[in-house]
Amino acid sequence: MNIVKPQSCQLDKLLYSIPETATLLSCSKSTIYSLMRSGVLPAVHSTSSARISSSAIVRYVEFLEIQSRIQAQEINEALR
């Protein structure tokens, strides 16, 4: 199986708040907290508030893209 690494993008800042991360990923703050608790989206605590690094956001999106490709490939193979 050939997995093509997605092109990385540049985000404007190094660290994002939970609401900013939710906006970037088009999901709810509850989803971000859930991803943090599960360890899928690691957080740093630079202040009293949790922050998500831009590299963690990019890695998470790359993970979703790879997961989506694998699922599509499995569906295609099942339909053959």
Protein backbone atom coordinates (compact mmCIF):
# COMPACT_ATOMS: atom_id res chain seq x y z
CA MET A 1 0.00 0.00 0.00
CA ASN A 2 1.37 3.39 -1.01
CA ILE A 3 0.59 6.19 1.39
CA VAL A 4 1.34 9.64 0.09
CA LYS A 5 2.19 12.09 2.82
CA PRO A 6 -0.08 15.12 2.62
CA GLN A 7 1.47 18.48 1.98
CA SER A 8 1.93 20.31 5.22
CA CYS A 9 0.39 23.66 5.77
CA GLN A 10 1.57 26.56 7.81
CA LEU A 11 -0.55 27.80 10.66
CA ASP A 12 -0.21 31.37 11.89
CA LYS A 13 0.73 30.62 15.50
CA LEU A 14 2.60 27.98 17.47
CA LEU A 15 -0.12 27.44 20.09
CA TYR A 16 -3.90 27.60 19.80
CA SER A 17 -6.58 27.81 22.47
CA ILE A 18 -9.30 25.17 22.65
CA PRO A 19 -11.89 27.41 20.92
CA GLU A 20 -9.39 28.34 18.19
CA THR A 21 -8.53 24.67 17.65
CA ALA A 22 -12.22 23.78 17.44
CA THR A 23 -12.70 26.49 14.81
CA LEU A 24 -9.67 25.33 12.80
CA LEU A 25 -10.89 21.72 12.84
CA SER A 26 -14.56 22.62 12.32
CA CYS A 27 -15.73 20.78 15.41
CA SER A 28 -16.97 21.55 18.91
CA LYS A 29 -14.89 22.37 21.96
CA SER A 30 -16.28 19.17 23.52
CA THR A 31 -14.75 17.17 20.67
CA ILE A 32 -11.38 18.84 21.24
CA TYR A 33 -11.51 18.05 24.97
CA SER A 34 -12.42 14.44 24.14
CA LEU A 35 -9.50 14.17 21.71
CA MET A 36 -7.21 15.62 24.39
CA ARG A 37 -8.43 13.15 27.02
CA SER A 38 -7.90 10.21 24.67
CA GLY A 39 -4.36 11.39 23.86
CA VAL A 40 -5.10 11.75 20.15
CA LEU A 41 -4.62 15.51 20.27
CA PRO A 42 -1.95 16.30 22.87
CA ALA A 43 -2.13 19.58 24.77
CA VAL A 44 0.50 21.70 26.41
CA HIS A 45 -0.11 23.84 29.47
CA SER A 46 1.91 27.01 28.96
CA THR A 47 -0.45 28.98 31.18
CA SER A 48 -3.38 27.97 33.32
CA SER A 49 -5.17 27.07 30.07
CA ALA A 50 -4.48 24.15 27.78
CA ARG A 51 -3.09 24.95 24.35
CA ILE A 52 -2.75 22.81 21.25
CA SER A 53 0.42 23.16 19.19
CA SER A 54 0.17 23.81 15.48
CA SER A 55 2.26 20.68 14.84
CA ALA A 56 -0.24 18.56 16.84
CA ILE A 57 -3.09 19.99 14.76
CA VAL A 58 -1.29 19.21 11.50
CA ARG A 59 -0.42 15.67 12.68
CA TYR A 60 -4.05 15.07 13.65
CA VAL A 61 -5.32 16.19 10.22
CA GLU A 62 -2.70 14.00 8.51
CA PHE A 63 -3.87 11.08 10.68
CA LEU A 64 -7.47 11.70 9.60
CA GLU A 65 -6.45 11.84 5.94
CA ILE A 66 -4.53 8.56 6.16
CA GLN A 67 -7.37 6.90 8.06
CA SER A 68 -9.82 8.05 5.40
CA ARG A 69 -7.65 6.68 2.58
CA ILE A 70 -7.33 3.31 4.32
CA GLN A 71 -11.08 3.07 4.85
CA ALA A 72 -11.75 3.97 1.21
CA GLN A 73 -9.27 1.36 0.05
CA GLU A 74 -10.88 -1.30 2.27
CA ILE A 75 -14.31 -0.46 0.87
CA ASN A 76 -12.99 -0.64 -2.70
CA GLU A 77 -11.39 -4.02 -2.02
CA ALA A 78 -14.60 -5.34 -0.44
CA LEU A 79 -16.59 -4.28 -3.50
CA ARG A 80 -14.33 -6.21 -5.91
